[in-house]
Structure formats: C-alpha cells, structure tokens
C-alpha cells in the first residue's frame, strides 16, 4: 500500500524501497548517500507562496518553510537555514546507525 502511494506522487516516484531484511545488509555509507542533499530541498517551493523556495527550517514545527511563511506562520519559532538542518539530521542519523549497529552486535553476543 505505501509503495503504491509513493509511486502516485510526483515528488516520491524516485524514492527507493527495500524490506527490513534487505535494510540490514545495507552499509551505513550507502544509507547516508541515500539521504537527500540540501540542493534537493532547496529546489522545493512553498505550497502557499508560489515560487518561494523552502530554504528555512522551523525547528518548532520540524518542517522546511519559505521566508514569507517564517515571518507569518512561524514568526515566534526558532528557524535556521535548511542546509544546516540537513547536516544536523544526517549527523543524528549517522549516530543512530552506529548505536543500532552496536546494539545489534550486543544481541548477537548474547
């Protein structure tokens, strides 16, 4: 069901899919390379303000926003450039992958 829905949406047609079993055999480097780059996010535009790029990230709502939205709907929220958030998120994912691999190894040792 999820895969069919992804294929219907223009923005997610290029996404890849794999089973949990397959995911266990994917290297950490490969997973990191699969994450979106800041340039792919910077090419997205706001659904409310046509042609406005989503180049800011609202930390409170955890979504990318355009400059206009940041001043209206997110004016009291902490925001920073989306590329900073992408770097931070990638670092968090890398750490979670390391933690997961350590936990997985500890389970194998039991």
PDB file of N, CA and C in Angstrom:
ATOM      1  N   UNK A   1       0.810  -1.189   0.000  1.00  0.00           N
ATOM      2  CA  UNK A   1       0.000   0.000   0.000  1.00  0.00           C
ATOM      3  C   UNK A   1       0.859   1.260   0.000  1.00  0.00           C
ATOM      4  N   UNK A   2       1.834   1.315   0.887  1.00  0.00           N
ATOM      5  CA  UNK A   2       2.684   2.507   0.988  1.00  0.00           C
ATOM      6  C   UNK A   2       3.444   2.734  -0.312  1.00  0.00           C
ATOM      7  N   UNK A   3       3.992   1.655  -0.858  1.00  0.00           N
ATOM      8  CA  UNK A   3       4.779   1.787  -2.085  1.00  0.00           C
ATOM      9  C   UNK A   3       3.910   2.313  -3.225  1.00  0.00           C
ATOM     10  N   UNK A   4       2.687   1.832  -3.337  1.00  0.00           N
ATOM     11  CA  UNK A   4       1.782   2.310  -4.383  1.00  0.00           C
ATOM     12  C   UNK A   4       1.506   3.807  -4.218  1.00  0.00           C
ATOM     13  N   UNK A   5       1.312   4.235  -2.990  1.00  0.00           N
ATOM     14  CA  UNK A   5       1.064   5.658  -2.729  1.00  0.00           C
ATOM     15  C   UNK A   5       2.281   6.496  -3.114  1.00  0.00           C
ATOM     16  N   UNK A   6       3.464   6.009  -2.790  1.00  0.00           N
ATOM     17  CA  UNK A   6       4.697   6.728  -3.157  1.00  0.00           C
ATOM     18  C   UNK A   6       4.831   6.862  -4.671  1.00  0.00           C
ATOM     19  N   UNK A   7       4.441   5.845  -5.383  1.00  0.00           N
ATOM     20  CA  UNK A   7       4.576   5.874  -6.836  1.00  0.00           C
ATOM     21  C   UNK A   7       3.579   6.826  -7.503  1.00  0.00           C
ATOM     22  N   UNK A   8       2.490   7.122  -6.826  1.00  0.00           N
ATOM     23  CA  UNK A   8       1.488   8.022  -7.385  1.00  0.00           C
ATOM     24  C   UNK A   8       1.884   9.494  -7.240  1.00  0.00           C
ATOM     25  N   UNK A   9       2.695   9.790  -6.249  1.00  0.00           N
ATOM     26  CA  UNK A   9       3.095  11.175  -6.006  1.00  0.00           C
ATOM     27  C   UNK A   9       4.338  11.519  -6.808  1.00  0.00           C
ATOM     28  N   UNK A  10       4.298  12.635  -7.495  1.00  0.00           N
ATOM     29  CA  UNK A  10       5.403  13.066  -8.347  1.00  0.00           C
ATOM     30  C   UNK A  10       6.709  13.199  -7.561  1.00  0.00           C
ATOM     31  N   UNK A  11       6.641  13.779  -6.358  1.00  0.00           N
ATOM     32  CA  UNK A  11       7.850  14.027  -5.577  1.00  0.00           C
ATOM     33  C   UNK A  11       8.475  12.770  -4.996  1.00  0.00           C
ATOM     34  N   UNK A  12       7.727  11.683  -4.920  1.00  0.00           N
ATOM     35  CA  UNK A  12       8.286  10.475  -4.305  1.00  0.00           C
ATOM     36  C   UNK A  12       8.445   9.308  -5.277  1.00  0.00           C
ATOM     37  N   UNK A  13       8.195   9.527  -6.542  1.00  0.00           N
ATOM     38  CA  UNK A  13       8.350   8.453  -7.528  1.00  0.00           C
ATOM     39  C   UNK A  13       9.771   7.933  -7.611  1.00  0.00           C
ATOM     40  N   UNK A  14      10.724   8.799  -7.354  1.00  0.00           N
ATOM     41  CA  UNK A  14      12.129   8.389  -7.466  1.00  0.00           C
ATOM     42  C   UNK A  14      12.651   7.720  -6.192  1.00  0.00           C
ATOM     43  N   UNK A  15      11.833   7.643  -5.157  1.00  0.00           N
ATOM     44  CA  UNK A  15      12.263   7.014  -3.908  1.00  0.00           C
ATOM     45  C   UNK A  15      12.489   5.515  -4.115  1.00  0.00           C
ATOM     46  N   UNK A  16      13.382   4.961  -3.329  1.00  0.00           N
ATOM     47  CA  UNK A  16      13.606   3.523  -3.407  1.00  0.00           C
ATOM     48  C   UNK A  16      12.978   2.852  -2.191  1.00  0.00           C
ATOM     49  N   UNK A  17      12.759   1.569  -2.314  1.00  0.00           N
ATOM     50  CA  UNK A  17      12.124   0.820  -1.248  1.00  0.00           C
ATOM     51  C   UNK A  17      12.859  -0.495  -1.054  1.00  0.00           C
ATOM     52  N   UNK A  18      12.900  -0.953   0.194  1.00  0.00           N
ATOM     53  CA  UNK A  18      13.513  -2.241   0.490  1.00  0.00           C
ATOM     54  C   UNK A  18      12.914  -2.787   1.770  1.00  0.00           C
ATOM     55  N   UNK A  19      12.987  -4.079   1.921  1.00  0.00           N
ATOM     56  CA  UNK A  19      12.443  -4.724   3.114  1.00  0.00           C
ATOM     57  C   UNK A  19      13.385  -4.513   4.290  1.00  0.00           C
ATOM     58  N   UNK A  20      12.892  -4.771   5.475  1.00  0.00           N
ATOM     59  CA  UNK A  20      13.728  -4.659   6.664  1.00  0.00           C
ATOM     60  C   UNK A  20      14.896  -5.635   6.575  1.00  0.00           C
ATOM     61  N   UNK A  21      14.633  -6.819   6.060  1.00  0.00           N
ATOM     62  CA  UNK A  21      15.701  -7.810   5.895  1.00  0.00           C
ATOM     63  C   UNK A  21      16.786  -7.282   4.957  1.00  0.00           C
ATOM     64  N   UNK A  22      16.376  -6.664   3.852  1.00  0.00           N
ATOM     65  CA  UNK A  22      17.343  -6.076   2.920  1.00  0.00           C
ATOM     66  C   UNK A  22      18.088  -4.905   3.568  1.00  0.00           C
ATOM     67  N   UNK A  23      17.371  -4.128   4.367  1.00  0.00           N
ATOM     68  CA  UNK A  23      17.977  -2.963   5.015  1.00  0.00           C
ATOM     69  C   UNK A  23      19.105  -3.365   5.959  1.00  0.00           C
ATOM     70  N   UNK A  24      18.979  -4.514   6.573  1.00  0.00           N
ATOM     71  CA  UNK A  24      20.021  -4.978   7.493  1.00  0.00           C
ATOM     72  C   UNK A  24      21.352  -5.218   6.786  1.00  0.00           C
ATOM     73  N   UNK A  25      21.291  -5.457   5.487  1.00  0.00           N
ATOM     74  CA  UNK A  25      22.510  -5.729   4.722  1.00  0.00           C
ATOM     75  C   UNK A  25      23.058  -4.503   4.000  1.00  0.00           C
ATOM     76  N   UNK A  26      22.407  -3.362   4.166  1.00  0.00           N
ATOM     77  CA  UNK A  26      22.876  -2.134   3.523  1.00  0.00           C
ATOM     78  C   UNK A  26      23.898  -1.471   4.434  1.00  0.00           C
ATOM     79  N   UNK A  27      25.011  -1.058   3.867  1.00  0.00           N
ATOM     80  CA  UNK A  27      26.060  -0.435   4.668  1.00  0.00           C
ATOM     81  C   UNK A  27      25.633   0.956   5.131  1.00  0.00           C
ATOM     82  N   UNK A  28      26.260   1.407   6.194  1.00  0.00           N
ATOM     83  CA  UNK A  28      25.971   2.726   6.746  1.00  0.00           C
ATOM     84  C   UNK A  28      26.261   3.808   5.700  1.00  0.00           C
ATOM     85  N   UNK A  29      27.357   3.680   4.976  1.00  0.00           N
ATOM     86  CA  UNK A  29      27.701   4.667   3.942  1.00  0.00           C
ATOM     87  C   UNK A  29      26.629   4.748   2.869  1.00  0.00           C
ATOM     88  N   UNK A  30      26.084   3.597   2.473  1.00  0.00           N
ATOM     89  CA  UNK A  30      25.043   3.573   1.451  1.00  0.00           C
ATOM     90  C   UNK A  30      23.784   4.270   1.948  1.00  0.00           C
ATOM     91  N   UNK A  31      23.430   4.039   3.194  1.00  0.00           N
ATOM     92  CA  UNK A  31      22.242   4.688   3.764  1.00  0.00           C
ATOM     93  C   UNK A  31      22.433   6.197   3.798  1.00  0.00           C
ATOM     94  N   UNK A  32      23.604   6.652   4.211  1.00  0.00           N
ATOM     95  CA  UNK A  32      23.879   8.086   4.267  1.00  0.00           C
ATOM     96  C   UNK A  32      23.793   8.691   2.870  1.00  0.00           C
ATOM     97  N   UNK A  33      24.288   7.989   1.870  1.00  0.00           N
ATOM     98  CA  UNK A  33      24.227   8.501   0.494  1.00  0.00           C
ATOM     99  C   UNK A  33      22.791   8.577  -0.023  1.00  0.00           C
ATOM    100  N   UNK A  34      21.903   7.787   0.546  1.00  0.00           N
ATOM    101  CA  UNK A  34      20.504   7.783   0.126  1.00  0.00           C
ATOM    102  C   UNK A  34      19.736   8.982   0.670  1.00  0.00           C
ATOM    103  N   UNK A  35      20.276   9.641   1.689  1.00  0.00           N
ATOM    104  CA  UNK A  35      19.586  10.786   2.282  1.00  0.00           C
ATOM    105  C   UNK A  35      19.602  11.957   1.305  1.00  0.00           C
ATOM    106  N   UNK A  36      18.565  12.780   1.337  1.00  0.00           N
ATOM    107  CA  UNK A  36      18.513  13.899   0.394  1.00  0.00           C
ATOM    108  C   UNK A  36      19.609  14.917   0.672  1.00  0.00           C
ATOM    109  N   UNK A  37      20.067  15.551  -0.378  1.00  0.00           N
ATOM    110  CA  UNK A  37      21.063  16.610  -0.244  1.00  0.00           C
ATOM    111  C   UNK A  37      20.352  17.929  -0.020  1.00  0.00           C
ATOM    112  N   UNK A  38      21.103  18.922   0.438  1.00  0.00           N
ATOM    113  CA  UNK A  38      20.490  20.230   0.647  1.00  0.00           C
ATOM    114  C   UNK A  38      20.015  20.827  -0.664  1.00  0.00           C
ATOM    115  N   UNK A  39      20.671  20.503  -1.771  1.00  0.00           N
ATOM    116  CA  UNK A  39      20.239  21.063  -3.054  1.00  0.00           C
ATOM    117  C   UNK A  39      18.869  20.539  -3.459  1.00  0.00           C
ATOM    118  N   UNK A  40      18.537  19.290  -3.109  1.00  0.00           N
ATOM    119  CA  UNK A  40      17.211  18.774  -3.462  1.00  0.00           C
ATOM    120  C   UNK A  40      16.124  19.456  -2.643  1.00  0.00           C
ATOM    121  N   UNK A  41      16.413  19.806  -1.391  1.00  0.00           N
ATOM    122  CA  UNK A  41      15.438  20.525  -0.591  1.00  0.00           C
ATOM    123  C   UNK A  41      15.317  21.969  -1.051  1.00  0.00           C
ATOM    124  N   UNK A  42      16.431  22.562  -1.447  1.00  0.00           N
ATOM    125  CA  UNK A  42      16.400  23.955  -1.848  1.00  0.00           C
ATOM    126  C   UNK A  42      15.654  24.170  -3.157  1.00  0.00           C
ATOM    127  N   UNK A  43      15.399  23.098  -3.883  1.00  0.00           N
ATOM    128  CA  UNK A  43      14.648  23.240  -5.129  1.00  0.00           C
ATOM    129  C   UNK A  43      13.141  23.116  -4.901  1.00  0.00           C
ATOM    130  N   UNK A  44      12.714  22.799  -3.693  1.00  0.00           N
ATOM    131  CA  UNK A  44      11.291  22.688  -3.382  1.00  0.00           C
ATOM    132  C   UNK A  44      10.703  24.078  -3.162  1.00  0.00           C
ATOM    133  N   UNK A  45       9.433  24.223  -3.526  1.00  0.00           N
ATOM    134  CA  UNK A  45       8.777  25.518  -3.352  1.00  0.00           C
ATOM    135  C   UNK A  45       7.591  25.398  -2.403  1.00  0.00           C
ATOM    136  N   UNK A  46       7.224  26.518  -1.836  1.00  0.00           N
ATOM    137  CA  UNK A  46       6.151  26.602  -0.844  1.00  0.00           C
ATOM    138  C   UNK A  46       4.790  26.359  -1.487  1.00  0.00           C
ATOM    139  N   UNK A  47       3.934  25.612  -0.804  1.00  0.00           N
ATOM    140  CA  UNK A  47       2.590  25.352  -1.320  1.00  0.00           C
ATOM    141  C   UNK A  47       1.671  26.559  -1.131  1.00  0.00           C
ATOM    142  N   UNK A  48       2.050  27.497  -0.276  1.00  0.00           N
ATOM    143  CA  UNK A  48       1.235  28.683  -0.020  1.00  0.00           C
ATOM    144  C   UNK A  48       1.721  29.914  -0.770  1.00  0.00           C
ATOM    145  N   UNK A  49       3.022  30.005  -0.989  1.00  0.00           N
ATOM    146  CA  UNK A  49       3.627  31.155  -1.654  1.00  0.00           C
ATOM    147  C   UNK A  49       4.373  30.666  -2.891  1.00  0.00           C
ATOM    148  N   UNK A  50       3.696  30.663  -4.023  1.00  0.00           N
ATOM    149  CA  UNK A  50       4.263  30.142  -5.275  1.00  0.00           C
ATOM    150  C   UNK A  50       5.635  30.733  -5.573  1.00  0.00           C
ATOM    151  N   UNK A  51       6.507  29.848  -6.005  1.00  0.00           N
ATOM    152  CA  UNK A  51       7.878  30.194  -6.388  1.00  0.00           C
ATOM    153  C   UNK A  51       8.782  30.601  -5.232  1.00  0.00           C
ATOM    154  N   UNK A  52       8.293  30.541  -3.998  1.00  0.00           N
ATOM    155  CA  UNK A  52       9.159  30.804  -2.846  1.00  0.00           C
ATOM    156  C   UNK A  52       9.856  29.508  -2.474  1.00  0.00           C
ATOM    157  N   UNK A  53      11.166  29.536  -2.418  1.00  0.00           N
ATOM    158  CA  UNK A  53      11.909  28.331  -2.056  1.00  0.00           C
ATOM    159  C   UNK A  53      11.804  28.051  -0.565  1.00  0.00           C
ATOM    160  N   UNK A  54      11.804  26.749  -0.236  1.00  0.00           N
ATOM    161  CA  UNK A  54      11.786  26.327   1.167  1.00  0.00           C
ATOM    162  C   UNK A  54      13.229  26.279   1.655  1.00  0.00           C
ATOM    163  N   UNK A  55      13.776  27.452   1.927  1.00  0.00           N
ATOM    164  CA  UNK A  55      15.183  27.484   2.298  1.00  0.00           C
ATOM    165  C   UNK A  55      15.425  27.735   3.785  1.00  0.00           C
ATOM    166  N   UNK A  56      14.354  27.737   4.572  1.00  0.00           N
ATOM    167  CA  UNK A  56      14.472  27.835   6.030  1.00  0.00           C
ATOM    168  C   UNK A  56      13.835  26.600   6.659  1.00  0.00           C
ATOM    169  N   UNK A  57      14.203  26.341   7.907  1.00  0.00           N
ATOM    170  CA  UNK A  57      13.660  25.183   8.618  1.00  0.00           C
ATOM    171  C   UNK A  57      13.139  25.648   9.971  1.00  0.00           C
ATOM    172  N   UNK A  58      11.863  25.392  10.237  1.00  0.00           N
ATOM    173  CA  UNK A  58      11.260  25.734  11.529  1.00  0.00           C
ATOM    174  C   UNK A  58      11.559  24.592  12.497  1.00  0.00           C
ATOM    175  N   UNK A  59      12.338  24.894  13.527  1.00  0.00           N
ATOM    176  CA  UNK A  59      12.706  23.861  14.496  1.00  0.00           C
ATOM    177  C   UNK A  59      11.524  23.437  15.355  1.00  0.00           C
ATOM    178  N   UNK A  60      10.611  24.339  15.627  1.00  0.00           N
ATOM    179  CA  UNK A  60       9.458  24.008  16.466  1.00  0.00           C
ATOM    180  C   UNK A  60       8.479  23.090  15.735  1.00  0.00           C
ATOM    181  N   UNK A  61       8.201  23.382  14.465  1.00  0.00           N
ATOM    182  CA  UNK A  61       7.251  22.581  13.691  1.00  0.00           C
ATOM    183  C   UNK A  61       7.936  21.445  12.939  1.00  0.00           C
ATOM    184  N   UNK A  62       9.247  21.451  12.907  1.00  0.00           N
ATOM    185  CA  UNK A  62      10.090  20.463  12.221  1.00  0.00           C
ATOM    186  C   UNK A  62       9.719  20.294  10.749  1.00  0.00           C
ATOM    187  N   UNK A  63       9.613  21.445  10.060  1.00  0.00           N
ATOM    188  CA  UNK A  63       9.320  21.433   8.627  1.00  0.00           C
ATOM    189  C   UNK A  63      10.117  22.534   7.930  1.00  0.00           C
ATOM    190  N   UNK A  64      10.431  22.319   6.640  1.00  0.00           N
ATOM    191  CA  UNK A  64      11.043  23.409   5.875  1.00  0.00           C
ATOM    192  C   UNK A  64       9.973  24.456   5.548  1.00  0.00           C
ATOM    193  N   UNK A  65      10.363  25.722   5.564  1.00  0.00           N
ATOM    194  CA  UNK A  65       9.434  26.820   5.297  1.00  0.00           C
ATOM    195  C   UNK A  65      10.096  27.861   4.395  1.00  0.00           C
ATOM    196  N   UNK A  66       9.277  28.670   3.748  1.00  0.00           N
ATOM    197  CA  UNK A  66       9.808  29.768   2.942  1.00  0.00           C
ATOM    198  C   UNK A  66       9.956  31.006   3.835  1.00  0.00           C
ATOM    199  N   UNK A  67      10.591  32.032   3.307  1.00  0.00           N
ATOM    200  CA  UNK A  67      10.806  33.267   4.067  1.00  0.00           C
ATOM    201  C   UNK A  67       9.473  33.890   4.465  1.00  0.00           C
ATOM    202  N   UNK A  68       8.520  33.914   3.536  1.00  0.00           N
ATOM    203  CA  UNK A  68       7.208  34.506   3.851  1.00  0.00           C
ATOM    204  C   UNK A  68       6.516  33.764   4.987  1.00  0.00           C
ATOM    205  N   UNK A  69       6.511  32.430   4.930  1.00  0.00           N
ATOM    206  CA  UNK A  69       5.877  31.637   5.998  1.00  0.00           C
ATOM    207  C   UNK A  69       6.591  31.842   7.329  1.00  0.00           C
ATOM    208  N   UNK A  70       7.914  31.968   7.292  1.00  0.00           N
ATOM    209  CA  UNK A  70       8.663  32.137   8.543  1.00  0.00           C
ATOM    210  C   UNK A  70       8.262  33.427   9.247  1.00  0.00           C
ATOM    211  N   UNK A  71       7.899  34.453   8.475  1.00  0.00           N
ATOM    212  CA  UNK A  71       7.501  35.724   9.070  1.00  0.00           C
ATOM    213  C   UNK A  71       6.039  35.796   9.463  1.00  0.00           C
ATOM    214  N   UNK A  72       5.235  34.874   8.949  1.00  0.00           N
ATOM    215  CA  UNK A  72       3.795  34.905   9.229  1.00  0.00           C
ATOM    216  C   UNK A  72       3.393  33.769  10.168  1.00  0.00           C
ATOM    217  N   UNK A  73       3.526  32.547   9.710  1.00  0.00           N
ATOM    218  CA  UNK A  73       3.048  31.383  10.465  1.00  0.00           C
ATOM    219  C   UNK A  73       4.044  30.877  11.504  1.00  0.00           C
ATOM    220  N   UNK A  74       5.301  31.251  11.361  1.00  0.00           N
ATOM    221  CA  UNK A  74       6.356  30.732  12.245  1.00  0.00           C
ATOM    222  C   UNK A  74       7.158  31.874  12.866  1.00  0.00           C
ATOM    223  N   UNK A  75       6.541  33.052  13.019  1.00  0.00           N
ATOM    224  CA  UNK A  75       7.292  34.249  13.418  1.00  0.00           C
ATOM    225  C   UNK A  75       7.915  34.157  14.806  1.00  0.00           C
ATOM    226  N   UNK A  76       7.344  33.415  15.697  1.00  0.00           N
ATOM    227  CA  UNK A  76       7.914  33.276  17.046  1.00  0.00           C
ATOM    228  C   UNK A  76       8.635  31.948  17.234  1.00  0.00           C
ATOM    229  N   UNK A  77       8.845  31.218  16.139  1.00  0.00           N
ATOM    230  CA  UNK A  77       9.504  29.920  16.199  1.00  0.00           C
ATOM    231  C   UNK A  77      10.985  30.061  15.844  1.00  0.00           C
ATOM    232  N   UNK A  78      11.832  29.223  16.443  1.00  0.00           N
ATOM    233  CA  UNK A  78      13.249  29.253  16.029  1.00  0.00           C
ATOM    234  C   UNK A  78      13.392  28.641  14.637  1.00  0.00           C
ATOM    235  N   UNK A  79      14.035  29.368  13.732  1.00  0.00           N
ATOM    236  CA  UNK A  79      14.278  28.882  12.372  1.00  0.00           C
ATOM    237  C   UNK A  79      15.753  29.050  12.030  1.00  0.00           C
ATOM    238  N   UNK A  80      16.242  28.188  11.146  1.00  0.00           N
ATOM    239  CA  UNK A  80      17.579  28.346  10.588  1.00  0.00           C
ATOM    240  C   UNK A  80      17.565  27.834   9.153  1.00  0.00           C
ATOM    241  N   UNK A  81      18.677  28.025   8.472  1.00  0.00           N
ATOM    242  CA  UNK A  81      18.736  27.634   7.066  1.00  0.00           C
ATOM    243  C   UNK A  81      18.569  26.121   6.941  1.00  0.00           C
ATOM    244  N   UNK A  82      17.835  25.685   5.937  1.00  0.00           N
ATOM    245  CA  UNK A  82      17.527  24.264   5.761  1.00  0.00           C
ATOM    246  C   UNK A  82      18.804  23.436   5.594  1.00  0.00           C
ATOM    247  N   UNK A  83      19.834  23.994   4.980  1.00  0.00           N
ATOM    248  CA  UNK A  83      21.075  23.224   4.801  1.00  0.00           C
ATOM    249  C   UNK A  83      21.720  22.893   6.143  1.00  0.00           C
ATOM    250  N   UNK A  84      21.596  23.782   7.132  1.00  0.00           N
ATOM    251  CA  UNK A  84      22.102  23.499   8.476  1.00  0.00           C
ATOM    252  C   UNK A  84      21.338  22.332   9.095  1.00  0.00           C
ATOM    253  N   UNK A  85      20.029  22.305   8.886  1.00  0.00           N
ATOM    254  CA  UNK A  85      19.209  21.224   9.435  1.00  0.00           C
ATOM    255  C   UNK A  85      19.545  19.898   8.780  1.00  0.00           C
ATOM    256  N   UNK A  86      19.811  19.921   7.490  1.00  0.00           N
ATOM    257  CA  UNK A  86      20.152  18.691   6.780  1.00  0.00           C
ATOM    258  C   UNK A  86      21.442  18.114   7.335  1.00  0.00           C
ATOM    259  N   UNK A  87      22.428  18.964   7.550  1.00  0.00           N
ATOM    260  CA  UNK A  87      23.701  18.500   8.130  1.00  0.00           C
ATOM    261  C   UNK A  87      23.460  17.913   9.514  1.00  0.00           C
ATOM    262  N   UNK A  88      22.694  18.623  10.334  1.00  0.00           N
ATOM    263  CA  UNK A  88      22.393  18.152  11.690  1.00  0.00           C
ATOM    264  C   UNK A  88      21.642  16.831  11.660  1.00  0.00           C
ATOM    265  N   UNK A  89      20.650  16.716  10.790  1.00  0.00           N
ATOM    266  CA  UNK A  89      19.864  15.482  10.710  1.00  0.00           C
ATOM    267  C   UNK A  89      20.712  14.310  10.242  1.00  0.00           C
ATOM    268  N   UNK A  90      21.585  14.549   9.275  1.00  0.00           N
ATOM    269  CA  UNK A  90      22.470  13.478   8.806  1.00  0.00           C
ATOM    270  C   UNK A  90      23.378  12.999   9.930  1.00  0.00           C
ATOM    271  N   UNK A  91      23.899  13.937  10.722  1.00  0.00           N
ATOM    272  CA  UNK A  91      24.752  13.556  11.854  1.00  0.00           C
ATOM    273  C   UNK A  91      23.971  12.726  12.862  1.00  0.00           C
ATOM    274  N   UNK A  92      22.724  13.127  13.136  1.00  0.00           N
ATOM    275  CA  UNK A  92      21.892  12.373  14.071  1.00  0.00           C
ATOM    276  C   UNK A  92      21.609  10.967  13.538  1.00  0.00           C
ATOM    277  N   UNK A  93      21.345  10.858  12.256  1.00  0.00           N
ATOM    278  CA  UNK A  93      21.077   9.547  11.651  1.00  0.00           C
ATOM    279  C   UNK A  93      22.319   8.677  11.704  1.00  0.00           C
ATOM    280  N   UNK A  94      23.475   9.273  11.410  1.00  0.00           N
ATOM    281  CA  UNK A  94      24.725   8.507  11.477  1.00  0.00           C
ATOM    282  C   UNK A  94      24.942   7.962  12.878  1.00  0.00           C
ATOM    283  N   UNK A  95      24.692   8.791  13.905  1.00  0.00           N
ATOM    284  CA  UNK A  95      24.873   8.342  15.281  1.00  0.00           C
ATOM    285  C   UNK A  95      23.870   7.248  15.630  1.00  0.00           C
ATOM    286  N   UNK A  96      22.645   7.377  15.176  1.00  0.00           N
ATOM    287  CA  UNK A  96      21.631   6.346  15.449  1.00  0.00           C
ATOM    288  C   UNK A  96      21.986   5.033  14.763  1.00  0.00           C
ATOM    289  N   UNK A  97      22.570   5.131  13.564  1.00  0.00           N
ATOM    290  CA  UNK A  97      23.012   3.916  12.879  1.00  0.00           C
ATOM    291  C   UNK A  97      24.125   3.230  13.660  1.00  0.00           C
ATOM    292  N   UNK A  98      25.058   4.007  14.164  1.00  0.00           N
ATOM    293  CA  UNK A  98      26.147   3.446  14.970  1.00  0.00           C
ATOM    294  C   UNK A  98      25.574   2.790  16.222  1.00  0.00           C
ATOM    295  N   UNK A  99      24.678   3.496  16.910  1.00  0.00           N
ATOM    296  CA  UNK A  99      24.050   2.943  18.119  1.00  0.00           C
ATOM    297  C   UNK A  99      23.296   1.650  17.807  1.00  0.00           C
ATOM    298  N   UNK A 100      22.575   1.640  16.683  1.00  0.00           N
ATOM    299  CA  UNK A 100      21.828   0.456  16.279  1.00  0.00           C
ATOM    300  C   UNK A 100      22.771  -0.711  16.007  1.00  0.00           C
ATOM    301  N   UNK A 101      23.853  -0.440  15.287  1.00  0.00           N
ATOM    302  CA  UNK A 101      24.807  -1.500  14.964  1.00  0.00           C
ATOM    303  C   UNK A 101      25.465  -2.062  16.224  1.00  0.00           C
ATOM    304  N   UNK A 102      25.754  -1.199  17.194  1.00  0.00           N
ATOM    305  CA  UNK A 102      26.310  -1.671  18.468  1.00  0.00           C
ATOM    306  C   UNK A 102      25.300  -2.527  19.224  1.00  0.00           C
ATOM    307  N   UNK A 103      24.058  -2.080  19.257  1.00  0.00           N
ATOM    308  CA  UNK A 103      23.015  -2.862  19.936  1.00  0.00           C
ATOM    309  C   UNK A 103      22.799  -4.195  19.236  1.00  0.00           C
ATOM    310  N   UNK A 104      22.831  -4.172  17.925  1.00  0.00           N
ATOM    311  CA  UNK A 104      22.677  -5.405  17.144  1.00  0.00           C
ATOM    312  C   UNK A 104      23.809  -6.372  17.459  1.00  0.00           C
ATOM    313  N   UNK A 105      25.028  -5.865  17.546  1.00  0.00           N
ATOM    314  CA  UNK A 105      26.186  -6.710  17.848  1.00  0.00           C
ATOM    315  C   UNK A 105      26.084  -7.271  19.273  1.00  0.00           C
ATOM    316  N   UNK A 106      25.631  -6.446  20.198  1.00  0.00           N
ATOM    317  CA  UNK A 106      25.461  -6.898  21.586  1.00  0.00           C
ATOM    318  C   UNK A 106      24.430  -8.021  21.666  1.00  0.00           C
ATOM    319  N   UNK A 107      23.368  -7.944  20.873  1.00  0.00           N
ATOM    320  CA  UNK A 107      22.360  -9.006  20.860  1.00  0.00           C
ATOM    321  C   UNK A 107      22.936 -10.303  20.279  1.00  0.00           C
ATOM    322  N   UNK A 108      23.782 -10.157  19.277  1.00  0.00           N
ATOM    323  CA  UNK A 108      24.403 -11.348  18.684  1.00  0.00           C
ATOM    324  C   UNK A 108      25.354 -12.042  19.672  1.00  0.00           C
ATOM    325  N   UNK A 109      25.959 -11.234  20.557  1.00  0.00           N
ATOM    326  CA  UNK A 109      26.905 -11.767  21.527  1.00  0.00           C
ATOM    327  C   UNK A 109      26.206 -12.505  22.681  1.00  0.00           C
ATOM    328  N   UNK A 110      24.921 -12.292  22.824  1.00  0.00           N
ATOM    329  CA  UNK A 110      24.185 -12.923  23.940  1.00  0.00           C
ATOM    330  C   UNK A 110      23.929 -14.379  23.643  1.00  0.00           C
TER     331      UNK A 110
END
